[in-house]
Amino acid sequence: MTHRRAVFLMIAVTLMWSIAGVVTRQLEAARSFEVTFWRSAFNALALVALLGWLRGPATLWRSVREGGRTLWISGVCWSVMFTAFMVAITLTTVANVLVTMAISPLLTALISRFVFKQRLAPRTWAAIFAAGAGIAWMYAHEIGGSDARGVLGTLIALAVPLASAINWTSIQHSSRSHGEAAPDLLPAVLIGATLSALVTLPLAVPFQASAHDLGLLALLGVVQLAIPCLMVVAIARVLSAPEVALLALLEVLFGVLWAWLGAGEAPSASVLGGGALVLGALAANEAVGLKRAAAIR
């Protein structure tokens, strides 16, 4: 895969990720935990088929059995991300959830600082404070409002970047500790989808989803999750981590745009202002990192 093709594929991945909000707004009867259950269940089924085809059933199940602690930590993190994202999106606006998720790279940098004792560049500290100010601004306006559901949804959305940061830190630690002998962690996505479906199943009954809803939730499970998750694994072998992080910000822009055009969810001024601070801080940090890395090469 060439660098240019990897960039275009990463843009395609963000487009697929970004449809969750607008598709969820088209559901007829399914709500909250039922939405989460069906999306995770369809995701798990699609991953069983895709990973079984790519790796072979025997290799896939051996990877699950022998993956060790890091595989299961990663699986639990994926489960939290899958579950918290969909619950949050049913409680608050798409823009609130996506802007909150955008702080994941900065949380990852902070956790790496304390776990691996990595020194953070001044520009990264500046980005962390600027993004924190943006999130605080957005949250202050949300909490100051009267919509308790929106506040709860925004707070639940915080679990997504936190779990993501722990996940990537665990994966990085495994890679550093084992080198080329590091376990195959792609099945962790399957573990996460399965755990998410199992945890939300008791809360999802009695089922109310219509055939129309099931079709949309299958679309989310397969196209919005399973396929792009597999694509990112291949892309990450070509693009650097900063490039992936920078391109992943397009999910926020695409997701807010789709919700605005397809569901009439115009973002509030506080979300636009806070989101601009968060995205600007992240983009500036990653752009400087890429420029310096290119100068070194």
Protein backbone atom coordinates (compact mmCIF):
# COMPACT_ATOMS: atom_id res chain seq x y z
CA MET A 1 0.00 0.00 0.00
CA THR A 2 1.36 3.42 -0.99
CA HIS A 3 1.27 6.40 1.38
CA ARG A 4 -1.25 8.23 -0.80
CA ARG A 5 -3.57 5.22 -0.92
CA ALA A 6 -3.30 4.83 2.86
CA VAL A 7 -4.33 8.49 3.32
CA PHE A 8 -7.37 8.06 1.07
CA LEU A 9 -8.32 4.84 2.85
CA MET A 10 -8.05 6.59 6.23
CA ILE A 11 -10.41 9.29 4.96
CA ALA A 12 -12.80 6.53 3.89
CA VAL A 13 -12.52 5.02 7.37
CA THR A 14 -13.50 8.32 9.01
CA LEU A 15 -16.46 8.60 6.65
CA MET A 16 -17.66 5.16 7.72
CA TRP A 17 -17.11 5.92 11.40
CA SER A 18 -18.98 9.21 11.11
CA ILE A 19 -22.35 7.80 10.00
CA ALA A 20 -23.27 6.47 13.48
CA GLY A 21 -25.06 9.60 14.65
CA VAL A 22 -27.16 10.32 11.59
CA VAL A 23 -28.11 6.64 11.12
CA THR A 24 -29.12 6.35 14.78
CA ARG A 25 -31.45 9.33 14.35
CA GLN A 26 -33.36 7.41 11.64
CA LEU A 27 -34.38 4.57 14.00
CA GLU A 28 -38.12 4.05 14.49
CA ALA A 29 -38.51 2.14 17.77
CA ALA A 30 -35.15 0.86 19.09
CA ARG A 31 -33.77 2.89 21.98
CA SER A 32 -30.71 3.13 24.24
CA PHE A 33 -29.40 -0.27 25.31
CA GLU A 34 -31.25 -2.11 22.54
CA VAL A 35 -29.49 0.06 19.98
CA THR A 36 -26.16 -0.76 21.62
CA PHE A 37 -26.92 -4.49 21.79
CA TRP A 38 -27.88 -4.89 18.14
CA ARG A 39 -24.98 -2.81 16.82
CA SER A 40 -22.47 -4.77 18.91
CA ALA A 41 -24.07 -8.10 18.02
CA PHE A 42 -23.96 -7.38 14.28
CA ASN A 43 -20.39 -6.13 14.68
CA ALA A 44 -19.36 -9.37 16.42
CA LEU A 45 -20.99 -11.54 13.75
CA ALA A 46 -19.31 -9.56 10.97
CA LEU A 47 -15.91 -9.80 12.68
CA VAL A 48 -16.25 -13.56 13.15
CA ALA A 49 -16.88 -13.88 9.42
CA LEU A 50 -14.18 -11.41 8.32
CA LEU A 51 -11.47 -12.55 10.73
CA GLY A 52 -12.31 -16.18 10.06
CA TRP A 53 -11.87 -15.51 6.36
CA LEU A 54 -8.62 -13.53 6.82
CA ARG A 55 -6.95 -15.71 9.46
CA GLY A 56 -8.82 -18.99 9.32
CA PRO A 57 -11.16 -20.15 12.11
CA ALA A 58 -8.52 -22.23 13.89
CA THR A 59 -5.96 -19.37 13.95
CA LEU A 60 -8.61 -16.89 15.10
CA TRP A 61 -9.74 -18.96 18.09
CA ARG A 62 -6.16 -19.84 18.98
CA SER A 63 -5.35 -16.11 19.06
CA VAL A 64 -8.28 -15.55 21.44
CA ARG A 65 -7.26 -18.42 23.73
CA GLU A 66 -3.56 -17.54 23.80
CA GLY A 67 -3.73 -13.75 23.58
CA GLY A 68 -3.01 -13.20 27.26
CA ARG A 69 -3.79 -10.29 29.57
CA THR A 70 -3.23 -7.49 27.07
CA LEU A 71 -5.73 -9.00 24.61
CA TRP A 72 -8.44 -9.05 27.27
CA ILE A 73 -7.62 -5.58 28.60
CA SER A 74 -7.90 -4.31 25.05
CA GLY A 75 -11.15 -6.26 24.58
CA VAL A 76 -12.69 -4.71 27.70
CA CYS A 77 -11.63 -1.26 26.49
CA TRP A 78 -13.27 -1.85 23.10
CA SER A 79 -16.40 -3.00 24.93
CA VAL A 80 -16.54 0.20 26.97
CA MET A 81 -16.05 2.28 23.83
CA PHE A 82 -18.75 0.46 21.87
CA THR A 83 -21.24 0.63 24.75
CA ALA A 84 -20.62 4.15 26.05
CA PHE A 85 -20.64 5.66 22.56
CA MET A 86 -24.06 4.34 21.62
CA VAL A 87 -25.64 5.03 25.01
CA ALA A 88 -24.28 8.60 24.89
CA ILE A 89 -25.50 9.18 21.34
CA THR A 90 -29.05 8.26 22.41
CA LEU A 91 -28.94 10.78 25.27
CA THR A 92 -27.25 13.85 23.79
CA THR A 93 -26.34 15.41 20.47
CA VAL A 94 -23.93 13.85 18.01
CA ALA A 95 -21.70 16.93 18.20
CA ASN A 96 -21.35 16.68 21.99
CA VAL A 97 -20.27 13.05 21.78
CA LEU A 98 -17.83 13.49 18.91
CA VAL A 99 -16.12 16.57 20.35
CA THR A 100 -15.72 14.76 23.67
CA MET A 101 -14.20 11.76 21.89
CA ALA A 102 -11.70 14.01 20.12
CA ILE A 103 -9.62 14.38 23.30
CA SER A 104 -8.54 10.73 23.09
CA PRO A 105 -5.04 11.44 21.63
CA LEU A 106 -4.31 13.90 24.44
CA LEU A 107 -5.49 11.49 27.15
CA THR A 108 -3.27 8.84 25.56
CA ALA A 109 -0.30 11.21 25.73
CA LEU A 110 -1.01 11.94 29.40
CA ILE A 111 -1.31 8.27 30.34
CA SER A 112 1.88 7.46 28.44
CA ARG A 113 3.60 10.25 30.36
CA PHE A 114 2.78 8.68 33.72
CA VAL A 115 2.96 4.99 32.72
CA PHE A 116 6.05 5.06 30.47
CA LYS A 117 7.58 8.24 31.92
CA GLN A 118 7.68 9.68 28.42
CA ARG A 119 8.58 13.35 28.22
CA LEU A 120 5.87 15.41 26.55
CA ALA A 121 6.87 18.24 24.26
CA PRO A 122 5.79 21.77 25.31
CA ARG A 123 3.50 21.90 22.27
CA THR A 124 1.70 18.78 23.54
CA TRP A 125 1.20 20.29 27.00
CA ALA A 126 -0.14 23.44 25.32
CA ALA A 127 -2.52 21.32 23.23
CA ILE A 128 -3.70 19.47 26.35
CA PHE A 129 -4.52 22.71 28.17
CA ALA A 130 -6.19 24.27 25.13
CA ALA A 131 -8.30 21.16 24.49
CA GLY A 132 -9.16 20.98 28.19
CA ALA A 133 -10.36 24.58 28.05
CA GLY A 134 -12.53 23.73 25.05
CA ILE A 135 -14.10 20.75 26.75
CA ALA A 136 -14.62 22.74 29.99
CA TRP A 137 -16.32 25.51 28.01
CA MET A 138 -18.64 23.04 26.31
CA TYR A 139 -19.44 21.18 29.53
CA ALA A 140 -20.11 24.38 31.47
CA HIS A 141 -22.80 25.36 29.01
CA GLU A 142 -24.27 21.86 28.91
CA ILE A 143 -24.38 21.46 32.68
CA GLY A 144 -25.74 24.97 33.02
CA GLY A 145 -28.73 23.98 30.89
CA SER A 146 -31.89 22.23 32.04
CA ASP A 147 -31.57 19.07 29.95
CA ALA A 148 -30.43 16.39 32.42
CA ARG A 149 -30.34 13.74 29.67
CA GLY A 150 -27.93 15.82 27.64
CA VAL A 151 -25.64 16.32 30.61
CA LEU A 152 -25.68 12.58 31.41
CA GLY A 153 -24.98 11.69 27.78
CA THR A 154 -22.03 14.08 27.60
CA LEU A 155 -20.57 12.65 30.82
CA ILE A 156 -21.02 9.05 29.58
CA ALA A 157 -19.24 10.04 26.37
CA LEU A 158 -16.12 10.74 28.43
CA ALA A 159 -15.73 6.98 28.96
CA VAL A 160 -14.96 6.58 25.24
CA PRO A 161 -11.71 8.61 25.04
CA LEU A 162 -10.64 7.32 28.47
CA ALA A 163 -11.06 3.67 27.42
CA SER A 164 -9.41 4.46 24.08
CA ALA A 165 -6.38 5.98 25.83
CA ILE A 166 -6.01 2.95 28.11
CA ASN A 167 -6.40 0.65 25.12
CA TRP A 168 -3.69 2.28 22.99
CA THR A 169 -1.36 2.54 26.00
CA SER A 170 -1.78 -1.19 26.70
CA ILE A 171 -1.15 -2.04 23.06
CA GLN A 172 1.96 0.15 23.01
CA HIS A 173 3.25 -1.48 26.20
CA SER A 174 2.70 -4.95 24.72
CA SER A 175 4.53 -4.00 21.53
CA ARG A 176 7.48 -2.61 23.49
CA SER A 177 7.66 -5.59 25.83
CA HIS A 178 7.35 -8.38 23.26
CA GLY A 179 8.57 -6.85 20.01
CA GLU A 180 7.79 -9.03 17.01
CA ALA A 181 6.50 -11.74 19.40
CA ALA A 182 3.67 -9.47 20.60
CA PRO A 183 0.26 -11.19 20.54
CA ASP A 184 -2.22 -10.57 17.76
CA LEU A 185 -4.57 -7.97 19.24
CA LEU A 186 -7.02 -7.65 16.36
CA PRO A 187 -9.32 -10.30 17.95
CA ALA A 188 -9.68 -7.85 20.87
CA VAL A 189 -12.17 -5.94 18.71
CA LEU A 190 -14.23 -9.12 18.46
CA ILE A 191 -13.97 -9.68 22.22
CA GLY A 192 -15.10 -6.10 22.81
CA ALA A 193 -18.12 -6.41 20.52
CA THR A 194 -19.13 -9.71 22.14
CA LEU A 195 -18.79 -8.35 25.69
CA SER A 196 -20.77 -5.23 24.76
CA ALA A 197 -23.58 -7.36 23.33
CA LEU A 198 -23.65 -9.67 26.37
CA VAL A 199 -23.65 -6.83 28.91
CA THR A 200 -26.42 -4.87 27.19
CA LEU A 201 -28.63 -7.87 26.32
CA PRO A 202 -30.48 -8.01 29.69
CA LEU A 203 -31.05 -4.25 29.50
CA ALA A 204 -32.25 -4.41 25.90
CA VAL A 205 -35.25 -6.67 26.43
CA PRO A 206 -38.08 -6.54 25.61
CA PHE A 207 -36.94 -5.87 22.05
CA GLN A 208 -38.81 -3.13 20.19
CA ALA A 209 -36.69 -2.72 17.07
CA SER A 210 -38.56 -2.89 13.77
CA ALA A 211 -37.24 -4.58 10.64
CA HIS A 212 -36.26 -1.11 9.44
CA ASP A 213 -34.28 -0.56 12.65
CA LEU A 214 -32.52 -3.92 12.40
CA GLY A 215 -31.40 -3.09 8.88
CA LEU A 216 -29.90 0.21 10.01
CA LEU A 217 -28.24 -1.36 13.07
CA ALA A 218 -26.75 -4.10 10.88
CA LEU A 219 -25.37 -1.32 8.68
CA LEU A 220 -23.75 0.24 11.74
CA GLY A 221 -22.33 -3.05 13.01
CA VAL A 222 -20.79 -4.04 9.68
CA VAL A 223 -20.03 -0.84 7.75
CA GLN A 224 -19.53 1.64 10.60
CA LEU A 225 -17.50 -0.68 12.86
CA ALA A 226 -16.28 -4.05 11.59
CA ILE A 227 -14.91 -3.06 8.18
CA PRO A 228 -13.17 0.22 9.19
CA CYS A 229 -11.62 -1.44 12.27
CA LEU A 230 -9.94 -3.98 10.02
CA MET A 231 -8.90 -1.29 7.55
CA VAL A 232 -7.22 0.79 10.26
CA VAL A 233 -4.96 -2.13 11.16
CA ALA A 234 -3.58 -2.18 7.62
CA ILE A 235 -3.38 1.62 7.40
CA ALA A 236 -1.43 1.87 10.67
CA ARG A 237 1.38 -0.14 9.06
CA VAL A 238 1.89 2.63 6.48
CA LEU A 239 0.97 5.91 8.19
CA SER A 240 2.64 7.22 11.32
CA ALA A 241 0.66 7.51 14.55
CA PRO A 242 0.47 11.33 14.30
CA GLU A 243 -0.85 11.07 10.75
CA VAL A 244 -3.54 8.60 11.81
CA ALA A 245 -4.50 10.79 14.78
CA LEU A 246 -4.72 13.90 12.61
CA LEU A 247 -6.80 12.25 9.89
CA ALA A 248 -9.08 10.65 12.51
CA LEU A 249 -10.26 14.16 13.46
CA LEU A 250 -12.21 14.16 10.21
CA GLU A 251 -14.72 11.84 11.94
CA VAL A 252 -15.78 14.75 14.15
CA LEU A 253 -16.28 17.11 11.21
CA PHE A 254 -18.06 14.52 9.05
CA GLY A 255 -20.21 13.28 11.93
CA VAL A 256 -21.41 16.75 12.93
CA LEU A 257 -22.08 17.60 9.27
CA TRP A 258 -24.13 14.41 8.63
CA ALA A 259 -26.19 14.97 11.80
CA TRP A 260 -26.80 18.57 10.76
CA LEU A 261 -27.81 17.75 7.19
CA GLY A 262 -29.49 14.39 7.77
CA ALA A 263 -31.14 14.82 11.16
CA GLY A 264 -31.46 18.58 11.63
CA GLU A 265 -29.08 18.62 14.63
CA ALA A 266 -27.50 22.05 14.39
CA PRO A 267 -24.60 22.22 16.88
CA SER A 268 -24.91 24.84 19.62
CA ALA A 269 -22.57 27.81 19.88
CA SER A 270 -20.86 26.27 22.93
CA VAL A 271 -20.18 23.04 21.03
CA LEU A 272 -18.86 24.94 18.00
CA GLY A 273 -16.61 27.09 20.17
CA GLY A 274 -15.38 24.25 22.38
CA GLY A 275 -15.00 21.94 19.41
CA ALA A 276 -12.95 24.52 17.52
CA LEU A 277 -10.54 24.76 20.48
CA VAL A 278 -10.23 20.99 20.78
CA LEU A 279 -9.77 20.31 17.07
CA GLY A 280 -7.48 23.30 16.60
CA ALA A 281 -5.24 22.20 19.48
CA LEU A 282 -5.04 18.64 18.20
CA ALA A 283 -4.46 19.62 14.58
CA ALA A 284 -1.72 22.11 15.50
CA ASN A 285 0.02 19.60 17.76
CA GLU A 286 -0.02 16.81 15.19
CA ALA A 287 0.92 19.09 12.30
CA VAL A 288 4.01 20.38 14.14
CA GLY A 289 4.93 16.79 15.05
CA LEU A 290 4.69 15.70 11.42
CA LYS A 291 6.74 18.68 10.24
CA ARG A 292 9.52 17.97 12.74
CA ALA A 293 9.52 14.26 11.92
CA ALA A 294 9.83 15.09 8.20
CA ALA A 295 12.71 17.48 8.94
CA ILE A 296 14.54 14.74 10.85
CA ARG A 297 14.10 12.29 7.98
